[in-house]
């Protein structure tokens, strides 16, 4: 299996897990179960945020925003991720600072 195939498989599994979690019947959960899901989701979100920052830092280092249809990385992110320009700029600054 190529690294691209492995990456696609991992992302497909992540998408499936996200859909499964989103479909959970919350009304059937106890307070303890709700707290556990919240705790674990918080950790997953933190890990995803760290990974996103590393990915963006790498992209900034090796890529060119013009090849992705933007004059700046913030413009590219804003368009491709459908986030505000201010949020895109914040992410770029954070990734650049961490790199």
Protein backbone atom coordinates (compact mmCIF):
# COMPACT_ATOMS: atom_id res chain seq x y z
CA UNK A 1 0.00 0.00 0.00
CA UNK A 2 1.45 3.38 -0.97
CA UNK A 3 1.71 6.17 1.57
CA UNK A 4 -1.02 8.02 -0.36
CA UNK A 5 -3.31 4.97 -0.08
CA UNK A 6 -2.56 4.70 3.63
CA UNK A 7 -3.32 8.39 4.12
CA UNK A 8 -6.61 8.10 2.22
CA UNK A 9 -7.57 5.06 4.31
CA UNK A 10 -6.81 6.89 7.57
CA UNK A 11 -8.79 9.96 6.50
CA UNK A 12 -11.72 7.78 5.40
CA UNK A 13 -11.70 6.09 8.82
CA UNK A 14 -11.61 9.47 10.54
CA UNK A 15 -14.57 10.66 8.47
CA UNK A 16 -16.51 7.50 9.33
CA UNK A 17 -15.75 7.90 13.04
CA UNK A 18 -16.86 11.54 12.93
CA UNK A 19 -20.14 10.56 11.30
CA UNK A 20 -20.70 7.80 13.86
CA UNK A 21 -20.04 10.15 16.76
CA UNK A 22 -22.34 12.80 15.29
CA UNK A 23 -25.13 10.22 15.06
CA UNK A 24 -24.93 9.16 18.72
CA UNK A 25 -28.31 9.26 20.47
CA UNK A 26 -27.43 11.72 23.23
CA UNK A 27 -30.76 11.24 25.00
CA UNK A 28 -29.75 7.65 25.80
CA UNK A 29 -26.48 8.62 27.49
CA UNK A 30 -25.89 8.95 31.22
CA UNK A 31 -24.21 12.06 32.64
CA UNK A 32 -21.02 10.03 33.14
CA UNK A 33 -21.07 8.88 29.50
CA UNK A 34 -21.70 12.42 28.28
CA UNK A 35 -18.75 13.67 30.34
CA UNK A 36 -16.51 10.92 28.95
CA UNK A 37 -17.46 11.73 25.36
CA UNK A 38 -16.85 15.44 25.99
CA UNK A 39 -13.44 14.73 27.56
CA UNK A 40 -12.32 12.47 24.72
CA UNK A 41 -13.66 14.79 22.03
CA UNK A 42 -11.77 17.66 23.61
CA UNK A 43 -8.55 15.65 23.40
CA UNK A 44 -9.27 14.66 19.79
CA UNK A 45 -9.91 18.28 18.87
CA UNK A 46 -6.62 19.32 20.48
CA UNK A 47 -4.72 16.62 18.57
CA UNK A 48 -6.41 17.60 15.30
CA UNK A 49 -5.54 21.25 15.95
CA UNK A 50 -1.89 20.35 16.53
CA UNK A 51 -1.81 18.31 13.33
CA UNK A 52 -3.49 21.06 11.34
CA UNK A 53 -0.91 23.54 12.59
CA UNK A 54 1.96 21.23 11.59
CA UNK A 55 0.41 20.57 8.16
CA UNK A 56 -0.06 24.27 7.52
CA UNK A 57 3.48 25.03 8.68
CA UNK A 58 4.84 22.45 6.26
CA UNK A 59 2.67 23.76 3.42
CA UNK A 60 3.88 27.30 4.05
CA UNK A 61 7.47 26.07 4.02
CA UNK A 62 7.34 24.08 0.78
CA UNK A 63 4.39 25.49 -1.13
CA UNK A 64 3.37 28.58 -3.03
CA UNK A 65 -0.03 30.18 -2.39
CA UNK A 66 -0.26 31.34 -6.00
CA UNK A 67 -0.22 27.71 -7.17
CA UNK A 68 -3.27 27.15 -5.00
CA UNK A 69 -5.17 30.13 -6.35
CA UNK A 70 -4.37 32.83 -3.82
CA UNK A 71 -2.01 35.73 -3.33
CA UNK A 72 -1.41 34.80 0.32
CA UNK A 73 -1.75 31.70 2.46
CA UNK A 74 -4.53 33.38 4.41
CA UNK A 75 -6.46 33.91 1.18
CA UNK A 76 -5.97 30.26 0.19
CA UNK A 77 -7.11 29.00 3.60
CA UNK A 78 -10.07 31.34 3.74
CA UNK A 79 -11.34 30.09 0.41
CA UNK A 80 -10.52 26.39 0.71
CA UNK A 81 -11.57 25.94 4.34
CA UNK A 82 -14.45 28.42 4.12
CA UNK A 83 -13.29 30.37 7.15
CA UNK A 84 -13.10 34.10 7.70
CA UNK A 85 -10.03 35.97 6.45
CA UNK A 86 -9.25 36.92 10.06
CA UNK A 87 -9.37 33.28 11.20
CA UNK A 88 -7.22 32.25 8.23
CA UNK A 89 -4.64 34.91 9.09
CA UNK A 90 -4.62 33.78 12.72
CA UNK A 91 -3.94 30.19 11.67
CA UNK A 92 -1.16 31.22 9.29
CA UNK A 93 0.50 33.35 11.97
CA UNK A 94 0.27 30.55 14.53
CA UNK A 95 1.70 27.98 12.11
CA UNK A 96 4.52 30.31 11.07
CA UNK A 97 5.35 31.02 14.70
CA UNK A 98 5.47 27.31 15.53
CA UNK A 99 7.64 26.42 12.52
